[in-house]
N, C-alpha and C. Protein backbone atom coordinates (compact mmCIF):
# COMPACT_ATOMS: atom_id res chain seq x y z
N MET A 1 27.79 -3.95 5.57
CA MET A 1 28.75 -3.17 4.91
C MET A 1 29.11 -3.23 3.51
N PHE A 2 29.08 -4.71 2.81
CA PHE A 2 29.17 -4.59 1.48
C PHE A 2 27.72 -3.85 0.67
N THR A 3 26.99 -3.79 1.31
CA THR A 3 25.76 -3.35 0.64
C THR A 3 25.83 -1.89 0.48
N GLU A 4 26.29 -1.39 1.74
CA GLU A 4 26.38 0.05 1.66
C GLU A 4 27.49 0.75 0.65
N ILE A 5 28.51 0.06 0.43
CA ILE A 5 29.45 0.25 -0.45
C ILE A 5 29.15 0.15 -1.70
N PHE A 6 28.49 -0.99 -1.97
CA PHE A 6 28.01 -1.41 -3.30
C PHE A 6 26.75 -0.18 -3.79
N VAL A 7 25.73 0.26 -3.06
CA VAL A 7 24.86 0.99 -3.31
C VAL A 7 25.33 2.55 -3.44
N LYS A 8 26.37 2.81 -2.57
CA LYS A 8 27.05 4.39 -2.89
C LYS A 8 27.12 4.83 -4.07
N THR A 9 27.45 3.71 -5.06
CA THR A 9 27.90 4.06 -6.69
C THR A 9 26.30 3.88 -7.32
N THR A 10 25.70 4.54 -7.82
CA THR A 10 24.71 4.45 -8.77
C THR A 10 24.90 3.63 -9.63
N ALA A 11 26.11 3.55 -10.38
CA ALA A 11 26.44 2.82 -11.64
C ALA A 11 26.37 1.46 -11.27
N ASN A 12 26.69 0.85 -10.12
CA ASN A 12 26.47 -0.60 -9.53
C ASN A 12 25.11 -1.05 -9.99
N VAL A 13 24.14 -0.20 -9.23
CA VAL A 13 22.71 -0.78 -9.42
C VAL A 13 22.38 -0.61 -10.60
N SER A 14 22.82 0.07 -11.66
CA SER A 14 22.41 0.40 -12.96
C SER A 14 23.22 -0.49 -13.86
N LEU A 15 24.22 -1.27 -13.56
CA LEU A 15 24.88 -2.66 -13.93
C LEU A 15 23.88 -3.57 -13.73
N LEU A 16 23.40 -3.40 -12.72
CA LEU A 16 22.33 -4.84 -12.11
C LEU A 16 21.07 -4.46 -13.03
N LEU A 17 20.70 -3.36 -12.99
CA LEU A 17 19.43 -3.12 -13.79
C LEU A 17 19.45 -3.54 -15.20
N GLY A 18 20.76 -3.39 -16.02
CA GLY A 18 21.11 -3.36 -17.18
C GLY A 18 20.78 -4.93 -17.49
N LEU A 19 21.61 -5.85 -16.62
CA LEU A 19 21.39 -7.30 -16.76
C LEU A 19 20.06 -7.87 -16.78
N LEU A 20 19.12 -6.97 -16.28
CA LEU A 20 17.60 -7.65 -16.48
C LEU A 20 17.32 -7.68 -17.82
N GLU A 21 17.88 -6.96 -18.56
CA GLU A 21 17.63 -6.99 -20.26
C GLU A 21 17.87 -8.23 -20.69
N VAL A 22 18.84 -8.81 -20.24
CA VAL A 22 19.16 -10.52 -20.71
C VAL A 22 18.21 -11.25 -20.15
N TYR A 23 17.54 -12.12 -21.30
CA TYR A 23 16.47 -13.16 -20.94
C TYR A 23 17.20 -14.27 -20.34
N ASP A 24 18.15 -14.52 -20.28
CA ASP A 24 18.94 -15.87 -19.93
C ASP A 24 18.13 -15.97 -18.52
N PHE A 25 17.86 -17.12 -18.05
CA PHE A 25 16.67 -17.42 -16.49
C PHE A 25 17.82 -17.27 -15.39
N TYR A 26 19.09 -17.90 -15.79
CA TYR A 26 20.10 -17.53 -14.58
C TYR A 26 20.63 -16.30 -14.08
N VAL A 27 20.66 -15.68 -15.49
CA VAL A 27 21.23 -14.25 -15.17
C VAL A 27 20.06 -13.18 -14.62
N ARG A 28 18.99 -13.25 -15.00
CA ARG A 28 17.69 -12.58 -14.33
C ARG A 28 17.55 -13.24 -12.94
N TYR A 29 17.40 -14.52 -12.54
CA TYR A 29 17.36 -15.16 -11.32
C TYR A 29 18.12 -14.42 -10.30
N HIS A 30 19.27 -14.86 -10.50
CA HIS A 30 20.30 -14.16 -9.43
C HIS A 30 20.52 -12.71 -9.36
N THR A 31 20.10 -11.72 -10.45
CA THR A 31 20.13 -10.61 -10.46
C THR A 31 18.89 -9.92 -9.50
N VAL A 32 17.85 -10.39 -9.46
CA VAL A 32 16.71 -10.47 -8.97
C VAL A 32 16.95 -10.76 -7.43
N THR A 33 17.68 -11.90 -7.10
CA THR A 33 18.16 -12.40 -5.74
C THR A 33 19.22 -11.23 -5.20
N LEU A 34 20.10 -11.02 -5.79
CA LEU A 34 21.04 -9.70 -5.36
C LEU A 34 19.83 -8.56 -5.20
N LEU A 35 19.33 -7.96 -6.19
CA LEU A 35 18.51 -6.77 -5.73
C LEU A 35 17.59 -6.90 -4.53
N THR A 36 17.48 -8.33 -4.33
CA THR A 36 16.22 -8.61 -2.85
C THR A 36 17.11 -8.45 -1.98
N LEU A 37 18.59 -8.96 -1.84
CA LEU A 37 19.64 -8.67 -0.52
C LEU A 37 19.86 -7.34 -0.46
N LEU A 38 20.08 -6.58 -1.44
CA LEU A 38 20.25 -5.18 -1.37
C LEU A 38 18.97 -4.37 -0.88
N LEU A 39 17.87 -4.81 -1.12
CA LEU A 39 16.77 -4.24 -0.69
C LEU A 39 16.52 -4.14 0.92
N GLU A 40 16.79 -5.53 1.11
CA GLU A 40 16.78 -5.87 2.67
C GLU A 40 17.47 -5.18 3.32
N ASN A 41 18.79 -4.81 2.72
CA ASN A 41 19.64 -4.08 3.67
C ASN A 41 19.61 -2.68 3.92
N ARG A 42 19.61 -2.07 2.32
CA ARG A 42 19.44 -0.51 2.27
C ARG A 42 18.44 -0.27 1.40
N PRO A 43 17.19 -0.18 2.05
CA PRO A 43 16.07 -0.04 0.98
C PRO A 43 15.76 1.56 0.65
N LYS A 44 16.36 2.46 1.48
CA LYS A 44 16.07 4.07 0.75
C LYS A 44 17.02 4.00 -0.44
N GLN A 45 18.52 3.61 -0.06
CA GLN A 45 19.41 3.93 -0.87
C GLN A 45 19.47 3.33 -2.18
N LEU A 46 18.78 2.13 -2.21
CA LEU A 46 18.69 1.21 -3.35
C LEU A 46 17.49 1.85 -4.12
N GLN A 47 16.16 2.20 -3.41
CA GLN A 47 15.20 3.04 -4.02
C GLN A 47 15.63 4.43 -5.00
N ALA A 48 16.47 5.03 -4.12
CA ALA A 48 17.19 6.26 -4.91
C ALA A 48 17.97 5.87 -6.21
N CYS A 49 18.54 4.79 -5.96
CA CYS A 49 19.67 4.48 -7.26
C CYS A 49 18.25 3.90 -8.25
N ILE A 50 17.67 3.10 -8.12
CA ILE A 50 16.65 2.70 -9.01
C ILE A 50 15.94 3.86 -9.80
N LEU A 51 15.48 4.94 -8.86
CA LEU A 51 14.57 6.03 -9.50
C LEU A 51 15.50 7.07 -10.37
N GLU A 52 16.74 7.10 -9.97
CA GLU A 52 17.96 7.62 -10.82
C GLU A 52 18.15 7.19 -12.08
N SER A 53 17.92 5.85 -12.34
CA SER A 53 18.33 5.05 -13.19
C SER A 53 17.27 5.19 -14.46
N PRO A 54 17.55 5.55 -15.73
CA PRO A 54 16.61 6.04 -16.75
C PRO A 54 15.65 5.13 -17.04
N LEU A 55 16.06 3.69 -17.09
CA LEU A 55 14.78 2.61 -17.51
C LEU A 55 14.77 1.76 -16.13
N GLY A 56 15.28 2.00 -14.65
CA GLY A 56 15.41 1.23 -13.77
C GLY A 56 13.81 0.63 -13.17
N VAL A 57 12.77 1.64 -13.13
CA VAL A 57 11.63 1.12 -12.59
C VAL A 57 10.90 0.22 -13.79
N SER A 58 10.97 0.51 -15.11
CA SER A 58 10.46 -0.04 -16.10
C SER A 58 10.91 -1.52 -16.29
N ARG A 59 12.17 -1.80 -16.20
CA ARG A 59 12.86 -3.20 -15.99
C ARG A 59 12.33 -3.96 -14.91
N LEU A 60 12.12 -3.14 -13.68
CA LEU A 60 11.78 -4.06 -12.76
C LEU A 60 9.96 -4.35 -13.25
N ILE A 61 9.56 -3.70 -13.50
CA ILE A 61 7.72 -3.90 -13.93
C ILE A 61 7.84 -5.15 -14.84
N ASP A 62 9.01 -4.79 -15.78
CA ASP A 62 8.77 -5.92 -16.85
C ASP A 62 9.14 -7.61 -16.50
N LEU A 63 9.68 -7.42 -15.27
CA LEU A 63 9.83 -8.81 -14.78
C LEU A 63 8.66 -9.35 -14.32
N LEU A 64 7.60 -8.72 -13.69
CA LEU A 64 6.42 -9.15 -13.41
C LEU A 64 5.71 -9.99 -14.87
N ASP A 65 5.96 -9.36 -15.78
CA ASP A 65 5.37 -10.02 -17.10
C ASP A 65 6.49 -11.35 -17.50
N ASP A 66 7.27 -11.60 -16.67
CA ASP A 66 8.11 -12.83 -17.36
C ASP A 66 7.39 -14.21 -17.24
N LYS A 67 7.93 -14.99 -18.23
CA LYS A 67 6.65 -16.03 -18.33
C LYS A 67 7.21 -17.31 -17.44
N ARG A 68 8.35 -17.07 -16.91
CA ARG A 68 9.16 -17.84 -15.99
C ARG A 68 8.43 -17.73 -14.34
N GLU A 69 7.85 -18.69 -13.81
CA GLU A 69 7.31 -18.53 -12.36
C GLU A 69 8.39 -18.23 -11.50
N ALA A 70 9.78 -18.57 -11.50
CA ALA A 70 10.49 -18.20 -10.47
C ALA A 70 10.87 -16.60 -10.38
N ILE A 71 10.92 -16.28 -11.68
CA ILE A 71 11.19 -14.90 -11.95
C ILE A 71 10.39 -14.16 -11.33
N ARG A 72 9.07 -14.09 -11.64
CA ARG A 72 7.94 -13.40 -11.21
C ARG A 72 7.83 -13.55 -9.92
N ASN A 73 8.08 -14.51 -9.20
CA ASN A 73 7.76 -14.89 -7.88
C ASN A 73 8.97 -14.26 -6.99
N GLY A 74 10.05 -14.05 -7.58
CA GLY A 74 10.97 -13.53 -6.89
C GLY A 74 11.53 -11.90 -6.88
N THR A 75 10.69 -11.57 -8.08
CA THR A 75 10.42 -10.13 -8.17
C THR A 75 9.07 -9.78 -7.02
N ARG A 76 8.17 -10.65 -6.87
CA ARG A 76 7.26 -10.09 -6.18
C ARG A 76 7.59 -10.07 -4.64
N SER A 77 8.59 -11.34 -4.44
CA SER A 77 8.84 -11.84 -2.92
C SER A 77 9.88 -10.67 -2.63
N CYS A 78 10.39 -9.71 -3.16
CA CYS A 78 11.45 -8.59 -2.61
C CYS A 78 10.61 -7.52 -2.71
N ASN A 79 9.51 -7.74 -2.72
CA ASN A 79 8.81 -6.30 -2.58
C ASN A 79 9.13 -5.19 -3.08
N LEU A 80 9.44 -5.15 -4.26
CA LEU A 80 10.12 -4.27 -5.00
C LEU A 80 8.84 -3.19 -5.49
N LYS A 81 7.81 -3.76 -5.39
CA LYS A 81 6.48 -2.77 -5.62
C LYS A 81 6.41 -1.86 -4.70
N GLU A 82 6.46 -2.34 -3.17
CA GLU A 82 6.34 -1.49 -2.22
C GLU A 82 7.34 -0.28 -2.17
N TYR A 83 8.42 -0.26 -2.84
CA TYR A 83 9.41 0.73 -2.99
C TYR A 83 9.55 1.66 -4.10
N LEU A 84 8.83 1.25 -4.96
CA LEU A 84 8.81 2.04 -6.04
C LEU A 84 7.60 3.00 -6.29
């Protein structure tokens, strides 16, 4: 239920995508974790929100180039590539 309410507003997902600009490990790691949980519960709605966000896709792709293994693996494990 929380996921449905959270994803209804595109601004919420845009805020999360904006947090991905921060290079701090913990901010990025927990943002990726939250996006993974949202993706597991509401994949189509999250995909729509990401595609509506101006830099949504590019920010997610940038995570794959992160030098920290935990961030890269978190991005891969949430299967974001499959939905974009």
